[in-house]
Amino acid sequence: MKASKYLILIIALCLGFGIFAQDLEEGSNLWTSNYVFVRLNSRLSIDNFSLASFNLQREGRFGFFQNETGLNYDIDRSNRILMTYSNGQYNFRSIYEDLYDKGPNVLNRFTIHRFGLGYQHRHRFNRNWRMANKLVAQYYIPTLEKYRFRWMYVNTLEFRHRKLPMDLRPFTQFYLYYYSGGLEFEYASEEANEEGEFIRLASPNGLHRYRWRTGFSFRPIAQWDFLSIKAYFALQREFNTPWGNDLNVQQSFENEEGELEGGLGLPFNNFRIYGLQLNLIF
């Protein structure tokens, strides 16, 4: 049995690191992922999460690929501190050179690095209901249009019952995101600047995104308690609030002929997700 577990672990990691992708797009997306968790001792553990996105409205073409590796320290059975590093691969576009002053990598992809530091609290209501709350601070390289720092809060509610077939576990999750420190954009101002224009430059700081996810996990092979499969549906929505700076704002610029043009800067990134995930817990 140990040989089978290590073989599955190696295959999952090879699949995760071997995929590269194009830009994230709106519409309906299929997310395929694998999650590997390995406990080192009573306090320390490591995990790896690999995710590939496919756009279902564009004949299933790739959307993006992301791989995240984490180190976890369990303070006790309920509380955990975590540190993560994520590498994202996106199809390179010429506009990125102007926005980020950064060219493509050797694979003609645009690379985004993300570092995270977080805290998680797990609570067991009774034998069947469990809840987890997680707060993570994330730092991005390079600085993106919408944020350089991002706060993510995740609430997870899971139901477990020993009589459900295949160890079926329904769950629901709610994600909430706060953006900070992104690139500066033009916003209307009540006071004129030094050039006499009623505009100000600022980052789109504020509470701007939520994601809701619901689904279930199950164990397809009863003898392999280390393996489970998760299926889910999710919605992502971006929004503005009365506090902070808006996304989806009108911007103006001069074209090559010196004529003034306009368009939406920072458009809302809204989409649906159909997800399938392989979990390996060792």
Protein backbone atom coordinates (compact mmCIF):
# COMPACT_ATOMS: atom_id res chain seq x y z
CA MET A 1 0.00 0.00 0.00
CA LYS A 2 2.87 2.40 0.75
CA ALA A 3 4.24 1.93 -2.77
CA SER A 4 0.85 2.84 -4.27
CA LYS A 5 0.63 5.99 -2.16
CA TYR A 6 4.07 7.21 -3.22
CA LEU A 7 3.37 6.42 -6.88
CA ILE A 8 0.14 8.47 -6.82
CA LEU A 9 1.96 11.33 -5.06
CA ILE A 10 4.67 11.45 -7.75
CA ILE A 11 2.12 11.35 -10.59
CA ALA A 12 0.07 14.17 -9.05
CA LEU A 13 3.10 16.40 -8.61
CA CYS A 14 4.30 15.75 -12.17
CA LEU A 15 0.87 16.64 -13.57
CA GLY A 16 0.82 19.81 -11.51
CA PHE A 17 4.19 21.14 -12.63
CA GLY A 18 3.78 20.14 -16.27
CA ILE A 19 0.94 22.45 -17.35
CA PHE A 20 1.23 25.99 -18.72
CA ALA A 21 -1.63 28.19 -19.74
CA GLN A 22 -3.07 31.36 -21.24
CA ASP A 23 -4.95 34.35 -19.82
CA LEU A 24 -7.83 34.06 -17.39
CA GLU A 25 -11.12 34.80 -19.18
CA GLU A 26 -14.67 35.51 -18.11
CA GLY A 27 -17.63 33.16 -18.63
CA SER A 28 -17.83 29.52 -17.50
CA ASN A 29 -14.58 27.85 -16.50
CA LEU A 30 -13.55 24.32 -15.65
CA TRP A 31 -10.95 24.15 -12.90
CA THR A 32 -8.96 20.93 -12.50
CA SER A 33 -6.63 20.70 -9.54
CA ASN A 34 -4.78 18.41 -7.19
CA TYR A 35 -4.01 18.98 -3.54
CA VAL A 36 -1.28 17.08 -1.69
CA PHE A 37 -0.85 17.27 2.10
CA VAL A 38 2.07 15.62 3.89
CA ARG A 39 2.44 15.69 7.69
CA LEU A 40 6.05 15.88 8.83
CA ASN A 41 5.45 15.61 12.58
CA SER A 42 2.84 16.55 15.19
CA ARG A 43 3.29 20.27 14.46
CA LEU A 44 4.67 20.73 10.96
CA SER A 45 3.18 19.85 7.58
CA ILE A 46 3.65 20.83 3.94
CA ASP A 47 1.11 20.99 1.15
CA ASN A 48 1.00 21.68 -2.57
CA PHE A 49 -1.96 22.91 -4.63
CA SER A 50 -1.86 22.89 -8.45
CA LEU A 51 -4.67 24.41 -10.51
CA ALA A 52 -5.34 24.67 -14.25
CA SER A 53 -8.28 26.64 -15.68
CA PHE A 54 -10.08 25.91 -18.97
CA ASN A 55 -12.62 28.27 -20.58
CA LEU A 56 -15.74 26.28 -21.49
CA GLN A 57 -17.07 29.01 -23.81
CA ARG A 58 -13.89 28.93 -25.93
CA GLU A 59 -13.72 25.23 -26.75
CA GLY A 60 -12.03 24.41 -23.46
CA ARG A 61 -8.84 26.38 -24.04
CA PHE A 62 -6.48 27.00 -21.12
CA GLY A 63 -7.08 30.03 -18.93
CA PHE A 64 -4.13 29.94 -16.49
CA PHE A 65 -1.98 27.67 -14.36
CA GLN A 66 -1.02 28.21 -10.74
CA ASN A 67 1.03 26.18 -8.29
CA GLU A 68 1.15 26.98 -4.56
CA THR A 69 3.38 25.36 -1.93
CA GLY A 70 2.79 25.88 1.77
CA LEU A 71 4.42 25.25 5.15
CA ASN A 72 2.03 24.88 8.10
CA TYR A 73 2.61 25.00 11.86
CA ASP A 74 -0.13 23.68 14.15
CA ILE A 75 -0.23 25.63 17.41
CA ASP A 76 -2.78 23.11 18.68
CA ARG A 77 -5.62 21.05 17.21
CA SER A 78 -7.67 24.15 16.38
CA ASN A 79 -5.15 26.82 15.38
CA ARG A 80 -2.65 26.89 12.52
CA ILE A 81 -0.12 29.37 11.10
CA LEU A 82 0.72 29.02 7.41
CA MET A 83 3.23 30.41 4.91
CA THR A 84 2.81 29.98 1.13
CA TYR A 85 4.54 30.66 -2.17
CA SER A 86 2.62 30.64 -5.45
CA ASN A 87 3.83 30.75 -9.07
CA GLY A 88 1.29 31.70 -11.76
CA GLN A 89 1.83 31.36 -15.52
CA TYR A 90 -0.16 33.53 -17.96
CA ASN A 91 0.09 34.03 -21.71
CA PHE A 92 2.23 37.09 -22.38
CA ARG A 93 0.63 40.19 -23.94
CA SER A 94 2.50 43.23 -25.20
CA ILE A 95 0.54 45.54 -22.87
CA TYR A 96 2.30 43.89 -19.92
CA GLU A 97 5.57 45.56 -20.89
CA ASP A 98 3.92 48.99 -20.50
CA LEU A 99 1.99 48.12 -17.33
CA TYR A 100 4.63 46.15 -15.46
CA ASP A 101 7.90 46.98 -17.26
CA LYS A 102 8.47 43.25 -17.56
CA GLY A 103 8.97 41.01 -20.60
CA PRO A 104 8.05 37.36 -21.18
CA ASN A 105 9.94 34.45 -19.65
CA VAL A 106 11.74 31.77 -21.68
CA LEU A 107 8.40 30.05 -22.36
CA ASN A 108 6.83 33.30 -23.63
CA ARG A 109 4.66 33.42 -20.53
CA PHE A 110 4.03 36.12 -17.95
CA THR A 111 5.01 35.01 -14.43
CA ILE A 112 3.34 36.24 -11.24
CA HIS A 113 4.84 35.41 -7.84
CA ARG A 114 2.74 35.48 -4.68
CA PHE A 115 3.82 35.17 -1.04
CA GLY A 116 1.32 34.56 1.74
CA LEU A 117 1.21 34.55 5.54
CA GLY A 118 -1.94 33.45 7.31
CA TYR A 119 -3.81 32.08 10.30
CA GLN A 120 -6.55 29.43 10.44
CA HIS A 121 -8.93 28.48 13.22
CA ARG A 122 -10.94 25.26 13.08
CA HIS A 123 -14.03 24.67 15.19
CA ARG A 124 -16.03 21.49 15.68
CA PHE A 125 -19.65 22.22 16.58
CA ASN A 126 -20.55 18.58 17.15
CA ARG A 127 -19.90 15.17 15.63
CA ASN A 128 -21.19 16.20 12.20
CA TRP A 129 -20.62 19.94 11.67
CA ARG A 130 -17.20 21.60 11.36
CA MET A 131 -16.17 25.15 10.52
CA ALA A 132 -12.86 26.77 9.58
CA ASN A 133 -12.00 30.47 9.35
CA LYS A 134 -8.82 31.57 7.58
CA LEU A 135 -7.23 34.98 7.07
CA VAL A 136 -4.26 35.34 4.68
CA ALA A 137 -2.16 38.39 3.75
CA GLN A 138 -0.75 38.09 0.20
CA TYR A 139 2.07 40.02 -1.51
CA TYR A 140 2.44 40.02 -5.32
CA ILE A 141 5.44 40.47 -7.62
CA PRO A 142 5.10 42.39 -9.90
CA THR A 143 2.61 44.98 -8.64
CA LEU A 144 -0.64 44.23 -10.48
CA GLU A 145 -3.21 46.71 -11.77
CA LYS A 146 -5.70 46.00 -8.98
CA TYR A 147 -3.40 45.20 -6.07
CA ARG A 148 0.08 44.59 -4.73
CA PHE A 149 -1.21 43.44 -1.36
CA ARG A 150 -4.37 41.40 -0.96
CA TRP A 151 -6.19 40.22 2.15
CA MET A 152 -8.24 37.02 1.80
CA TYR A 153 -10.80 35.76 4.32
CA VAL A 154 -12.25 32.26 3.88
CA ASN A 155 -15.10 30.67 5.83
CA THR A 156 -15.69 26.92 5.34
CA LEU A 157 -18.62 24.90 6.67
CA GLU A 158 -18.51 21.11 6.25
CA PHE A 159 -20.94 18.31 7.12
CA ARG A 160 -19.70 14.81 8.00
CA HIS A 161 -21.73 11.71 8.83
CA ARG A 162 -20.33 8.20 9.16
CA LYS A 163 -23.39 6.63 7.50
CA LEU A 164 -23.15 8.59 4.25
CA PRO A 165 -21.88 6.43 1.34
CA MET A 166 -18.24 6.77 0.23
CA ASP A 167 -17.59 9.12 3.16
CA LEU A 168 -19.54 11.87 1.35
CA ARG A 169 -18.90 15.35 2.82
CA PRO A 170 -20.96 18.32 1.56
CA PHE A 171 -19.41 21.74 2.12
CA THR A 172 -19.84 25.44 1.39
CA GLN A 173 -17.19 28.19 1.33
CA PHE A 174 -17.25 31.96 1.21
CA TYR A 175 -14.21 34.05 0.18
CA LEU A 176 -13.84 37.81 0.66
CA TYR A 177 -10.95 39.90 -0.75
CA TYR A 178 -9.51 43.33 0.06
CA TYR A 179 -7.21 44.99 -2.55
CA SER A 180 -4.39 47.40 -1.73
CA GLY A 181 -1.37 49.06 -3.38
CA GLY A 182 -2.10 48.39 -7.06
CA LEU A 183 -1.12 50.61 -9.98
CA GLU A 184 -2.39 54.19 -9.87
CA PHE A 185 -5.37 55.24 -12.01
CA GLU A 186 -7.25 58.48 -12.57
CA TYR A 187 -10.22 59.27 -10.32
CA ALA A 188 -12.45 62.32 -10.28
CA SER A 189 -11.54 64.89 -7.63
CA GLU A 190 -13.35 67.86 -6.11
CA GLU A 191 -10.07 69.78 -6.02
CA ALA A 192 -7.82 70.65 -8.95
CA ASN A 193 -4.29 69.29 -9.10
CA GLU A 194 -1.16 71.27 -10.03
CA GLU A 195 -2.11 71.06 -13.73
CA GLY A 196 -5.58 72.43 -13.01
CA GLU A 197 -7.28 69.09 -13.69
CA PHE A 198 -9.98 67.77 -11.39
CA ILE A 199 -8.45 64.33 -11.16
CA ARG A 200 -6.32 62.44 -8.67
CA LEU A 201 -4.07 59.41 -9.06
CA ALA A 202 -4.68 56.52 -6.68
CA SER A 203 -4.64 52.74 -6.37
CA PRO A 204 -8.04 50.97 -6.40
CA ASN A 205 -7.83 50.12 -2.70
CA GLY A 206 -10.91 48.59 -1.11
CA LEU A 207 -13.13 45.58 -0.56
CA HIS A 208 -13.65 44.36 -4.12
CA ARG A 209 -14.27 40.63 -4.54
CA TYR A 210 -16.17 37.67 -3.18
CA ARG A 211 -16.27 34.06 -4.25
CA TRP A 212 -18.86 31.51 -3.17
CA ARG A 213 -18.23 27.80 -3.58
CA THR A 214 -20.32 24.73 -2.75
CA GLY A 215 -19.89 21.05 -3.45
CA PHE A 216 -18.90 17.75 -1.88
CA SER A 217 -15.97 15.41 -1.46
CA PHE A 218 -15.99 11.60 -1.40
CA ARG A 219 -13.64 8.63 -1.22
CA PRO A 220 -13.92 6.48 -4.39
CA ILE A 221 -11.85 3.60 -2.94
CA ALA A 222 -12.69 2.67 0.63
CA GLN A 223 -9.33 0.98 1.25
CA TRP A 224 -7.41 4.13 0.22
CA ASP A 225 -8.26 6.52 3.03
CA PHE A 226 -5.56 8.91 1.80
CA LEU A 227 -7.37 9.62 -1.50
CA SER A 228 -10.52 11.66 -2.08
CA ILE A 229 -12.17 13.60 -4.90
CA LYS A 230 -13.86 16.98 -4.60
CA ALA A 231 -16.46 18.37 -7.01
CA TYR A 232 -17.86 21.90 -6.72
CA PHE A 233 -19.53 24.89 -8.34
CA ALA A 234 -18.41 28.48 -7.65
CA LEU A 235 -19.29 32.08 -8.52
CA GLN A 236 -16.85 34.98 -8.48
CA ARG A 237 -17.99 38.60 -8.44
CA GLU A 238 -16.11 41.89 -8.16
CA PHE A 239 -17.84 45.02 -6.87
CA ASN A 240 -17.39 48.54 -5.53
CA THR A 241 -18.34 49.93 -2.14
CA PRO A 242 -18.88 53.50 -0.87
CA TRP A 243 -15.52 53.15 0.90
CA GLY A 244 -12.26 53.03 -1.03
CA ASN A 245 -11.56 53.53 -4.75
CA ASP A 246 -13.68 51.98 -7.49
CA LEU A 247 -12.88 49.35 -10.04
CA ASN A 248 -14.53 49.50 -13.46
CA VAL A 249 -13.87 53.24 -13.86
CA GLN A 250 -13.71 55.27 -17.06
CA GLN A 251 -10.18 56.20 -18.14
CA SER A 252 -9.00 58.64 -20.83
CA PHE A 253 -5.74 58.59 -22.78
CA GLU A 254 -4.12 59.91 -25.95
CA ASN A 255 -3.69 57.59 -28.92
CA GLU A 256 -0.74 57.65 -31.34
CA GLU A 257 -2.39 60.48 -33.32
CA GLY A 258 -2.71 62.60 -30.18
CA GLU A 259 -6.49 62.16 -30.05
CA LEU A 260 -8.24 61.65 -26.73
CA GLU A 261 -9.82 58.24 -26.27
CA GLY A 262 -11.46 56.48 -23.38
CA GLY A 263 -12.41 53.09 -22.04
CA LEU A 264 -13.00 51.12 -18.89
CA GLY A 265 -9.97 50.58 -16.73
CA LEU A 266 -9.96 47.70 -14.23
CA PRO A 267 -13.14 45.96 -15.49
CA PHE A 268 -14.93 43.59 -13.13
CA ASN A 269 -13.66 40.01 -13.43
CA ASN A 270 -16.82 37.90 -12.97
CA PHE A 271 -17.11 34.22 -13.89
CA ARG A 272 -18.54 30.80 -13.02
CA ILE A 273 -16.47 27.77 -12.04
CA TYR A 274 -17.08 24.03 -12.35
CA GLY A 275 -14.34 22.31 -10.36
CA LEU A 276 -12.88 18.85 -9.94
CA GLN A 277 -10.05 18.20 -7.52
CA LEU A 278 -7.93 15.19 -6.51
CA ASN A 279 -6.87 15.20 -2.83
CA LEU A 280 -4.00 13.18 -1.40
CA ILE A 281 -3.58 13.34 2.39
CA PHE A 282 -0.54 11.58 3.89
